[in-house]
Amino acid sequence: MLDKIKNYFKPLPDAAPLKDEQVIAKQYKHWRIKMFFSMYFGYALFYFTRKNIDIIKPTLIENNVFTVEQLGTIGFAIYLTYGIGKFLSGILADKCNIRAVMALGLGLSSIINLTFAFIPEVSSTLGVSATMLATFLWALNGAAQSMGFPPVAKGLVYWFSPSERATKWTLWSSSHTFGAFFVAQLISLLAYLKFGWKMAFIVPAIMGILYSAYMLKAMTDKPTTVGLPPIEKYRNDVMPVVKEKSEMTQWEIVKKYVLTNPFLWALAISYIFIYYVRFATLDWATTFLVQDRGFTQATAASAASAMPFLGMPGGIVAGYLADRFFHGRCTQINIIYLIILAISCWCFYKYASTSAFWVTAVFAAFIGFFVDGPQNLAGGVQASRVTVQESVSAACGFTGMFGYFGAMLSSKGAAYISQNYGWKGVYVSCIFACIIAMACISVTWKKEAAGIKKQEEAKKAAAAK
């Protein structure tokens, strides 16, 4: 039994190398498209089995399934386990094959959603509190959800070279918005058809189980598992950081290139403050507009919706600019985005008004646009550039864990600041958070420059041959 489990998770074996260059080019195109979109839609479905509860909350409250306070406890539980789980799942993903970890995470999350749909009946049968059971299940869901991003990070590094990765990574990152948008549409349709709140968990669960089976059948692991050369060799590119000793154990790799990596620590700390700005502005914008500027609930929600709507293109543009003008380096574009983000936060606070709805919406859109760049680049693309291929999942999981510490900080911190220092204090704190994030990210400036120099030298040496 243990051997079967190990075989399920272990990296897939290398296939016989392909020799024909035309066949290699054709197969690389085929597999890159297949892997990209399999990971894209797979991660979007993780959102279907995580964000569904946020959309159905009003119905859960109306039907006396849970109270607001109980839902708050359930939400805190998934933030906690998801944040810590990201790092642990990253270590696991570096040692395992991509499709196994991702399919298992989505499958487990789907099964948990199925169980969640019948919490009233299950809790009554077991004689336990429905809230306690729900909190336990949603905490488990956080652990399962944490298995989604690390294998994707590994896949993007192994299938896309450093000089193109920022563009491809940020394109993939739009799966967040894609998943969040379409799960809302799905649940709205189910509500319109009067299927009841249970179907908001059952339907995404069925979709997740089916797609996890698809991933096991359709996806592969690294390029070498289908006979293709490593991506850096195929595209005549090099990794910015290369592992020094081939006999290092997984723990030694994690310790050297993640836990004691000062550049990764700088990015992780910056991620706390990037996520603080993201959630302090997004989660509290409607409340600020209603309480401080006299908006109605409907108009406030409408204006604030510009934030996530413009987030997706903001991240994609940041990735394109990093590849197009900075050879894949992320430090410069992150700093530019954070400067404009700080200005946008202040302008949103200063000029938001019921008499200037479109001005309010535009500055909300600016916040969404310019926060998504650093969010996608700093903890993902940039983290992959300051560590080795063999630890990229752990590195991205590490920064992701710190990001969700920032999310938890924004929930409690912004509430405390607004009560004691007013809404001006909240937006001033966002400006200071941007400044701290910039200071941390600037630590990687020379490190990334050294990586680019190494890449240019390797290309010149290859051309000379």
Protein backbone atom coordinates (compact mmCIF):
# COMPACT_ATOMS: atom_id res chain seq x y z
CA MET A 1 0.00 0.00 0.00
CA LEU A 2 2.78 2.44 0.97
CA ASP A 3 4.66 1.56 -2.21
CA LYS A 4 1.58 2.39 -4.30
CA ILE A 5 1.27 5.78 -2.59
CA LYS A 6 4.97 6.50 -3.14
CA ASN A 7 4.70 5.51 -6.81
CA TYR A 8 1.70 7.83 -7.19
CA PHE A 9 3.66 10.83 -5.92
CA LYS A 10 7.21 10.23 -7.10
CA PRO A 11 8.51 12.16 -10.15
CA LEU A 12 7.66 10.52 -13.45
CA PRO A 13 10.65 8.77 -15.10
CA ASP A 14 12.47 10.35 -18.03
CA ALA A 15 11.52 9.04 -21.48
CA ALA A 16 14.00 8.29 -24.26
CA PRO A 17 15.25 11.67 -25.57
CA LEU A 18 13.79 12.79 -28.90
CA LYS A 19 16.41 13.51 -31.59
CA ASP A 20 14.56 15.12 -34.48
CA GLU A 21 14.52 18.90 -33.99
CA GLN A 22 11.25 19.34 -35.88
CA VAL A 23 9.57 16.69 -33.72
CA ILE A 24 10.99 18.35 -30.58
CA ALA A 25 9.64 21.76 -31.66
CA LYS A 26 6.21 20.31 -32.45
CA GLN A 27 6.02 18.33 -29.22
CA TYR A 28 7.21 21.27 -27.14
CA LYS A 29 4.47 23.47 -28.60
CA HIS A 30 1.87 20.78 -27.95
CA TRP A 31 2.90 20.08 -24.37
CA ARG A 32 3.44 23.71 -23.37
CA ILE A 33 -0.08 24.60 -24.49
CA LYS A 34 -1.54 21.49 -22.85
CA MET A 35 0.28 21.97 -19.55
CA PHE A 36 -0.46 25.70 -19.40
CA PHE A 37 -4.20 25.37 -19.92
CA SER A 38 -4.51 22.24 -17.77
CA MET A 39 -2.91 24.17 -14.89
CA TYR A 40 -4.94 27.29 -15.74
CA PHE A 41 -8.38 25.66 -15.62
CA GLY A 42 -7.32 23.34 -12.81
CA TYR A 43 -6.39 26.25 -10.58
CA ALA A 44 -9.57 28.10 -11.56
CA LEU A 45 -11.54 25.10 -10.26
CA PHE A 46 -9.70 25.35 -6.93
CA TYR A 47 -11.48 28.70 -6.64
CA PHE A 48 -14.80 26.99 -7.36
CA THR A 49 -14.30 24.82 -4.25
CA ARG A 50 -12.98 27.64 -2.05
CA LYS A 51 -14.73 30.91 -2.94
CA ASN A 52 -18.17 29.33 -3.24
CA ILE A 53 -18.75 29.79 0.50
CA ASP A 54 -18.09 33.56 0.26
CA ILE A 55 -20.76 33.94 -2.41
CA ILE A 56 -23.36 31.83 -0.61
CA LYS A 57 -22.84 33.46 2.83
CA PRO A 58 -26.01 35.62 2.73
CA THR A 59 -28.12 32.53 2.00
CA LEU A 60 -26.44 30.55 4.78
CA ILE A 61 -27.26 33.37 7.20
CA GLU A 62 -30.85 33.76 5.98
CA ASN A 63 -31.46 30.01 6.32
CA ASN A 64 -30.00 30.01 9.86
CA VAL A 65 -27.31 27.54 8.87
CA PHE A 66 -24.56 29.79 10.32
CA THR A 67 -24.35 33.25 11.88
CA VAL A 68 -22.01 36.03 10.73
CA GLU A 69 -19.67 35.33 13.66
CA GLN A 70 -19.60 31.60 12.91
CA LEU A 71 -18.79 32.26 9.25
CA GLY A 72 -15.99 34.55 10.41
CA THR A 73 -14.51 31.69 12.44
CA ILE A 74 -14.80 29.32 9.48
CA GLY A 75 -13.10 31.89 7.22
CA PHE A 76 -10.23 32.41 9.67
CA ALA A 77 -9.65 28.64 9.78
CA ILE A 78 -9.10 28.33 6.03
CA TYR A 79 -6.80 31.37 5.91
CA LEU A 80 -4.62 29.82 8.62
CA THR A 81 -4.33 26.31 7.18
CA TYR A 82 -4.06 27.58 3.61
CA GLY A 83 -1.18 29.91 4.46
CA ILE A 84 0.86 27.34 6.40
CA GLY A 85 -0.11 24.58 3.98
CA LYS A 86 1.27 26.51 1.00
CA PHE A 87 4.81 26.16 2.34
CA LEU A 88 4.45 22.51 3.35
CA SER A 89 2.79 21.64 0.03
CA GLY A 90 5.63 23.46 -1.73
CA ILE A 91 8.17 21.15 -0.13
CA LEU A 92 6.01 18.17 -1.14
CA ALA A 93 5.57 19.38 -4.73
CA ASP A 94 9.32 19.80 -5.27
CA LYS A 95 9.79 16.13 -4.45
CA CYS A 96 6.74 14.82 -6.34
CA ASN A 97 5.25 14.97 -9.82
CA ILE A 98 3.10 17.95 -10.80
CA ARG A 99 -0.12 16.19 -11.78
CA ALA A 100 -0.29 13.97 -8.68
CA VAL A 101 -0.13 16.82 -6.16
CA MET A 102 -2.49 19.12 -8.07
CA ALA A 103 -5.06 16.38 -8.81
CA LEU A 104 -4.99 15.14 -5.21
CA GLY A 105 -5.51 18.65 -3.82
CA LEU A 106 -8.50 19.38 -6.09
CA GLY A 107 -9.97 15.92 -5.48
CA LEU A 108 -9.73 16.22 -1.69
CA SER A 109 -11.16 19.75 -1.75
CA SER A 110 -14.08 18.50 -3.84
CA ILE A 111 -14.82 15.64 -1.43
CA ILE A 112 -14.72 18.09 1.49
CA ASN A 113 -17.21 20.32 -0.37
CA LEU A 114 -19.55 17.37 -0.83
CA THR A 115 -19.40 16.66 2.90
CA PHE A 116 -19.88 20.35 3.73
CA ALA A 117 -23.19 20.35 1.84
CA PHE A 118 -24.61 17.89 4.39
CA ILE A 119 -23.22 19.43 7.58
CA PRO A 120 -26.63 19.83 9.30
CA GLU A 121 -27.39 16.13 8.80
CA VAL A 122 -23.87 14.89 9.61
CA SER A 123 -23.51 17.03 12.74
CA SER A 124 -26.92 15.83 13.98
CA THR A 125 -25.97 12.20 13.38
CA LEU A 126 -22.60 12.54 15.10
CA GLY A 127 -23.98 14.71 17.89
CA VAL A 128 -21.42 17.48 17.39
CA SER A 129 -21.75 21.21 16.83
CA ALA A 130 -22.41 22.16 13.21
CA THR A 131 -20.05 25.13 13.57
CA MET A 132 -17.26 22.98 14.99
CA LEU A 133 -17.65 20.45 12.19
CA ALA A 134 -17.79 23.17 9.53
CA THR A 135 -14.68 24.88 10.91
CA PHE A 136 -12.82 21.56 10.96
CA LEU A 137 -13.86 20.72 7.39
CA TRP A 138 -13.03 24.16 6.02
CA ALA A 139 -9.65 24.05 7.78
CA LEU A 140 -9.03 20.73 6.01
CA ASN A 141 -10.15 22.40 2.81
CA GLY A 142 -7.45 25.03 3.34
CA ALA A 143 -4.84 22.27 3.54
CA ALA A 144 -6.19 20.66 0.34
CA GLN A 145 -6.36 24.06 -1.40
CA SER A 146 -2.72 24.72 -0.54
CA MET A 147 -1.80 21.88 -2.92
CA GLY A 148 -2.95 23.90 -5.94
CA PHE A 149 -0.35 26.64 -6.40
CA PRO A 150 3.02 24.94 -5.59
CA PRO A 151 2.82 22.32 -8.40
CA VAL A 152 1.76 25.09 -10.81
CA ALA A 153 4.82 27.13 -9.81
CA LYS A 154 6.99 24.09 -10.49
CA GLY A 155 5.27 23.50 -13.84
CA LEU A 156 5.75 27.10 -14.98
CA VAL A 157 9.46 26.96 -14.11
CA TYR A 158 10.09 23.65 -15.89
CA TRP A 159 8.06 24.45 -19.02
CA PHE A 160 8.86 28.18 -19.48
CA SER A 161 12.37 29.64 -19.45
CA PRO A 162 13.48 32.63 -17.31
CA SER A 163 13.41 35.16 -20.17
CA GLU A 164 9.71 34.50 -20.94
CA ARG A 165 8.44 33.44 -17.52
CA ALA A 166 7.10 36.76 -16.26
CA THR A 167 4.67 36.99 -19.19
CA LYS A 168 3.53 33.37 -18.98
CA TRP A 169 3.28 33.44 -15.18
CA THR A 170 1.11 36.54 -15.07
CA LEU A 171 -1.06 35.19 -17.90
CA TRP A 172 -1.60 32.06 -15.84
CA SER A 173 -2.32 34.20 -12.75
CA SER A 174 -5.47 35.48 -14.44
CA SER A 175 -6.92 32.06 -13.55
CA HIS A 176 -7.60 33.55 -10.09
CA THR A 177 -9.96 36.13 -11.54
CA PHE A 178 -11.38 33.65 -14.05
CA GLY A 179 -12.24 31.19 -11.28
CA ALA A 180 -13.64 33.83 -8.92
CA PHE A 181 -15.80 35.33 -11.68
CA PHE A 182 -17.27 32.10 -13.03
CA VAL A 183 -17.97 30.49 -9.67
CA ALA A 184 -20.04 33.60 -8.88
CA GLN A 185 -21.92 33.16 -12.16
CA LEU A 186 -22.49 29.46 -11.48
CA ILE A 187 -23.89 30.04 -8.01
CA SER A 188 -26.05 32.91 -9.26
CA LEU A 189 -27.50 30.54 -11.87
CA LEU A 190 -28.14 27.84 -9.24
CA ALA A 191 -29.86 30.42 -7.04
CA TYR A 192 -31.97 31.61 -9.98
CA LEU A 193 -33.02 28.00 -10.63
CA LYS A 194 -33.89 27.68 -6.91
CA PHE A 195 -31.70 24.63 -6.31
CA GLY A 196 -30.89 25.58 -2.69
CA TRP A 197 -27.62 26.38 -0.92
CA LYS A 198 -26.38 22.78 -0.87
CA MET A 199 -25.90 22.79 -4.65
CA ALA A 200 -23.39 25.65 -4.28
CA PHE A 201 -21.08 23.01 -2.78
CA ILE A 202 -22.24 19.88 -4.62
CA VAL A 203 -21.95 21.18 -8.22
CA PRO A 204 -18.40 22.63 -7.82
CA ALA A 205 -17.42 19.39 -6.04
CA ILE A 206 -18.57 17.23 -8.96
CA MET A 207 -16.74 19.53 -11.41
CA GLY A 208 -13.59 19.30 -9.29
CA ILE A 209 -13.66 15.49 -9.07
CA LEU A 210 -14.10 15.16 -12.84
CA TYR A 211 -11.30 17.62 -13.59
CA SER A 212 -8.90 15.99 -11.12
CA ALA A 213 -9.41 12.72 -13.01
CA TYR A 214 -8.71 14.59 -16.27
CA MET A 215 -5.46 16.02 -14.88
CA LEU A 216 -4.21 12.56 -13.92
CA LYS A 217 -4.86 11.35 -17.47
CA ALA A 218 -3.84 14.37 -19.56
CA MET A 219 -0.99 16.09 -17.71
CA THR A 220 2.65 15.05 -17.37
CA ASP A 221 5.55 16.21 -15.20
CA LYS A 222 8.75 17.78 -16.55
CA PRO A 223 9.70 18.02 -20.25
CA THR A 224 12.19 15.15 -19.89
CA THR A 225 9.33 12.80 -18.95
CA VAL A 226 8.05 13.02 -22.54
CA GLY A 227 11.50 12.88 -24.16
CA LEU A 228 12.01 16.64 -24.51
CA PRO A 229 15.19 18.51 -23.49
CA PRO A 230 15.08 20.85 -20.46
CA ILE A 231 13.48 24.19 -21.29
CA GLU A 232 16.67 26.21 -20.71
CA LYS A 233 18.52 24.01 -23.20
CA TYR A 234 15.70 24.13 -25.75
CA ARG A 235 15.44 27.94 -25.63
CA ASN A 236 19.18 28.52 -25.13
CA ASP A 237 18.54 30.10 -21.74
CA VAL A 238 19.94 29.50 -18.26
CA MET A 239 18.53 29.49 -14.75
CA PRO A 240 19.56 32.59 -12.73
CA VAL A 241 20.51 30.30 -9.82
CA VAL A 242 21.92 26.77 -10.21
CA LYS A 243 22.18 24.11 -7.50
CA GLU A 244 25.80 23.59 -6.46
CA LYS A 245 25.89 19.91 -5.41
CA SER A 246 23.94 17.16 -7.13
CA GLU A 247 23.96 14.90 -4.06
CA MET A 248 22.08 17.33 -1.82
CA THR A 249 19.00 15.92 -0.09
CA GLN A 250 15.63 17.66 -0.43
CA TRP A 251 15.92 19.04 3.10
CA GLU A 252 19.42 20.41 2.38
CA ILE A 253 18.08 22.09 -0.77
CA VAL A 254 15.17 23.67 1.12
CA LYS A 255 17.43 24.78 3.95
CA LYS A 256 20.07 26.34 1.67
CA TYR A 257 17.94 27.83 -1.09
CA VAL A 258 14.75 28.68 0.84
CA LEU A 259 15.04 28.91 4.64
CA THR A 260 18.47 30.60 4.70
CA ASN A 261 18.06 32.51 1.45
CA PRO A 262 18.14 36.24 2.38
CA PHE A 263 16.65 37.30 -0.96
CA LEU A 264 13.70 34.99 -0.51
CA TRP A 265 13.15 36.31 3.03
CA ALA A 266 13.13 39.86 1.64
CA LEU A 267 10.48 38.89 -0.92
CA ALA A 268 8.45 37.02 1.70
CA ILE A 269 8.39 40.05 4.01
CA SER A 270 7.45 42.29 1.08
CA TYR A 271 4.59 39.89 0.37
CA ILE A 272 3.12 40.51 3.84
CA PHE A 273 2.74 44.19 3.01
CA ILE A 274 1.61 43.65 -0.60
CA TYR A 275 -1.17 41.36 0.62
CA TYR A 276 -2.00 43.80 3.39
CA VAL A 277 -2.62 46.51 0.79
CA ARG A 278 -4.53 44.10 -1.46
CA PHE A 279 -6.99 42.95 1.20
CA ALA A 280 -7.17 46.20 3.21
CA THR A 281 -8.29 48.02 0.06
CA LEU A 282 -10.41 45.26 -1.50
CA ASP A 283 -12.18 43.90 1.59
CA TRP A 284 -12.85 47.27 3.22
CA ALA A 285 -13.53 49.52 0.21
CA THR A 286 -17.32 49.06 0.29
CA THR A 287 -17.47 49.68 4.04
CA PHE A 288 -15.34 52.83 3.69
CA LEU A 289 -17.52 54.23 0.89
CA VAL A 290 -20.75 53.55 2.81
CA GLN A 291 -19.60 54.73 6.25
CA ASP A 292 -17.34 57.62 5.33
CA ARG A 293 -18.59 58.90 1.97
CA GLY A 294 -22.32 58.23 2.09
CA PHE A 295 -22.57 55.73 -0.75
CA THR A 296 -25.43 53.24 -0.80
CA GLN A 297 -24.54 49.55 -0.52
CA ALA A 298 -25.27 49.04 -4.23
CA THR A 299 -23.27 52.03 -5.54
CA ALA A 300 -20.37 51.28 -3.20
CA ALA A 301 -20.20 47.67 -4.39
CA SER A 302 -20.37 48.84 -8.00
CA ALA A 303 -17.49 51.31 -7.59
CA ALA A 304 -15.35 48.86 -5.59
CA SER A 305 -15.86 46.09 -8.19
CA ALA A 306 -13.46 47.98 -10.45
CA MET A 307 -10.59 46.76 -8.25
CA PRO A 308 -10.68 43.03 -9.05
CA PHE A 309 -11.96 43.72 -12.58
CA LEU A 310 -8.81 45.66 -13.51
CA GLY A 311 -6.54 43.41 -11.47
CA MET A 312 -6.19 40.73 -14.15
CA PRO A 313 -4.86 43.03 -16.93
CA GLY A 314 -2.68 44.78 -14.37
CA GLY A 315 -0.83 41.57 -13.58
CA ILE A 316 -0.50 40.55 -17.24
CA VAL A 317 0.87 43.97 -18.25
CA ALA A 318 3.42 43.82 -15.41
CA GLY A 319 4.67 40.44 -16.64
CA TYR A 320 4.90 41.65 -20.24
CA LEU A 321 6.84 44.78 -19.22
CA ALA A 322 9.25 42.74 -17.09
CA ASP A 323 10.06 40.42 -20.02
CA ARG A 324 10.00 43.09 -22.73
CA PHE A 325 12.10 45.80 -21.09
CA PHE A 326 13.93 44.22 -18.14
CA HIS A 327 14.93 40.75 -19.49
CA GLY A 328 12.57 39.03 -17.05
CA ARG A 329 13.76 40.98 -14.01
CA CYS A 330 10.93 41.95 -11.70
CA THR A 331 12.51 44.39 -9.23
CA GLN A 332 12.12 47.50 -11.38
CA ILE A 333 8.55 46.93 -12.52
CA ASN A 334 7.47 46.00 -8.97
CA ILE A 335 8.89 49.25 -7.59
CA ILE A 336 7.21 51.29 -10.36
CA TYR A 337 3.88 49.59 -9.68
CA LEU A 338 4.17 50.08 -5.90
CA ILE A 339 4.90 53.80 -6.26
CA ILE A 340 1.78 54.27 -8.41
CA LEU A 341 -0.19 52.00 -6.05
CA ALA A 342 0.68 54.20 -3.06
CA ILE A 343 -0.45 57.30 -4.97
CA SER A 344 -3.66 55.52 -6.05
CA CYS A 345 -4.50 54.57 -2.44
CA TRP A 346 -4.22 58.19 -1.36
CA CYS A 347 -6.22 59.48 -4.33
CA PHE A 348 -8.97 56.92 -3.70
CA TYR A 349 -9.27 58.12 -0.09
CA LYS A 350 -9.00 61.80 -1.02
CA TYR A 351 -11.35 61.97 -3.99
CA ALA A 352 -13.94 59.23 -3.44
CA SER A 353 -17.34 60.93 -3.47
CA THR A 354 -20.98 60.23 -4.29
CA SER A 355 -20.91 63.23 -6.63
CA ALA A 356 -17.93 61.81 -8.51
CA PHE A 357 -18.80 58.12 -8.97
CA TRP A 358 -16.57 57.60 -12.00
CA VAL A 359 -13.60 59.27 -10.33
CA THR A 360 -14.09 56.92 -7.38
CA ALA A 361 -14.33 53.90 -9.70
CA VAL A 362 -11.24 54.94 -11.68
CA PHE A 363 -9.03 55.23 -8.59
CA ALA A 364 -10.44 51.92 -7.33
CA ALA A 365 -9.46 50.42 -10.70
CA PHE A 366 -5.96 51.91 -10.36
CA ILE A 367 -5.55 50.18 -7.00
CA GLY A 368 -6.64 46.84 -8.49
CA PHE A 369 -4.42 47.26 -11.56
CA PHE A 370 -1.26 48.21 -9.68
CA VAL A 371 -1.57 45.81 -6.75
CA ASP A 372 -1.87 42.77 -9.01
CA GLY A 373 1.54 43.28 -10.61
CA PRO A 374 3.61 42.97 -7.40
CA GLN A 375 1.23 40.31 -6.08
CA ASN A 376 1.86 38.10 -9.13
CA LEU A 377 5.54 38.87 -9.60
CA ALA A 378 7.13 39.22 -6.15
CA GLY A 379 5.94 35.97 -4.60
CA GLY A 380 5.97 33.94 -7.81
CA VAL A 381 8.16 34.92 -10.75
CA GLN A 382 10.70 36.83 -8.68
CA ALA A 383 10.86 34.11 -6.03
CA SER A 384 11.62 31.58 -8.79
CA ARG A 385 14.52 33.76 -9.96
CA VAL A 386 16.34 33.83 -6.61
CA THR A 387 16.23 30.08 -5.93
CA VAL A 388 16.93 26.86 -7.83
CA GLN A 389 14.55 24.77 -9.95
CA GLU A 390 14.61 22.00 -7.36
CA SER A 391 13.12 24.24 -4.65
CA VAL A 392 10.86 26.58 -6.62
CA SER A 393 7.61 25.11 -5.23
CA ALA A 394 8.86 25.44 -1.66
CA ALA A 395 10.08 28.98 -2.37
CA CYS A 396 6.72 30.08 -3.80
CA GLY A 397 4.89 28.29 -0.99
CA PHE A 398 7.11 30.10 1.51
CA THR A 399 6.30 33.55 0.12
CA GLY A 400 2.64 32.56 -0.25
CA MET A 401 2.48 31.65 3.43
CA PHE A 402 3.74 35.11 4.37
CA GLY A 403 1.24 36.67 1.97
CA TYR A 404 -1.64 35.11 3.86
CA PHE A 405 -0.18 36.34 7.12
CA GLY A 406 -0.60 39.77 5.51
CA ALA A 407 -4.18 38.88 4.59
CA MET A 408 -4.96 37.99 8.21
CA LEU A 409 -3.21 41.21 9.33
CA SER A 410 -5.39 43.26 7.00
CA SER A 411 -8.54 41.75 8.45
CA LYS A 412 -7.76 42.62 12.07
CA GLY A 413 -5.32 45.48 11.49
CA ALA A 414 -7.46 47.57 9.14
CA ALA A 415 -10.46 47.17 11.45
CA TYR A 416 -8.41 48.35 14.44
CA ILE A 417 -6.91 51.31 12.55
CA SER A 418 -10.30 52.45 11.20
CA GLN A 419 -11.82 52.39 14.70
CA ASN A 420 -8.94 54.23 16.37
CA TYR A 421 -7.48 56.46 13.63
CA GLY A 422 -10.28 56.68 11.07
CA TRP A 423 -10.31 55.64 7.43
CA LYS A 424 -7.52 58.10 6.66
CA GLY A 425 -5.32 55.99 8.93
CA VAL A 426 -6.18 52.85 6.94
CA TYR A 427 -5.11 54.35 3.61
CA VAL A 428 -2.01 55.97 5.12
CA SER A 429 -1.08 52.51 6.47
CA CYS A 430 -1.43 51.17 2.91
CA ILE A 431 1.01 53.84 1.69
CA PHE A 432 3.54 52.87 4.37
CA ALA A 433 3.02 49.20 3.45
CA CYS A 434 3.91 50.03 -0.17
CA ILE A 435 7.10 51.80 0.96
CA ILE A 436 8.17 48.85 3.14
CA ALA A 437 7.42 46.41 0.28
CA MET A 438 9.55 48.51 -2.09
CA ALA A 439 12.45 48.54 0.39
CA CYS A 440 12.33 44.75 0.73
CA ILE A 441 12.03 44.10 -3.01
CA SER A 442 14.96 46.42 -3.78
CA VAL A 443 17.22 43.97 -1.91
CA THR A 444 16.97 41.65 -4.94
CA TRP A 445 18.11 44.29 -7.47
CA LYS A 446 21.75 43.11 -7.74
CA LYS A 447 20.80 39.46 -7.39
CA GLU A 448 18.54 39.62 -10.42
CA ALA A 449 21.12 41.67 -12.34
CA ALA A 450 23.73 38.96 -11.70
CA GLY A 451 21.31 36.36 -13.05
CA ILE A 452 20.79 38.37 -16.26
CA LYS A 453 24.55 38.73 -16.69
CA LYS A 454 24.95 34.98 -16.37
CA GLN A 455 22.22 34.42 -18.98
CA GLU A 456 23.85 36.84 -21.45
CA GLU A 457 27.26 35.21 -21.00
CA ALA A 458 25.78 31.77 -21.62
CA LYS A 459 24.03 32.96 -24.80
CA LYS A 460 27.25 34.54 -26.12
CA ALA A 461 29.19 31.35 -25.38
CA ALA A 462 26.55 29.26 -27.19
CA ALA A 463 26.59 31.63 -30.19
CA ALA A 464 30.41 31.46 -30.37
CA LYS A 465 30.22 27.66 -30.70
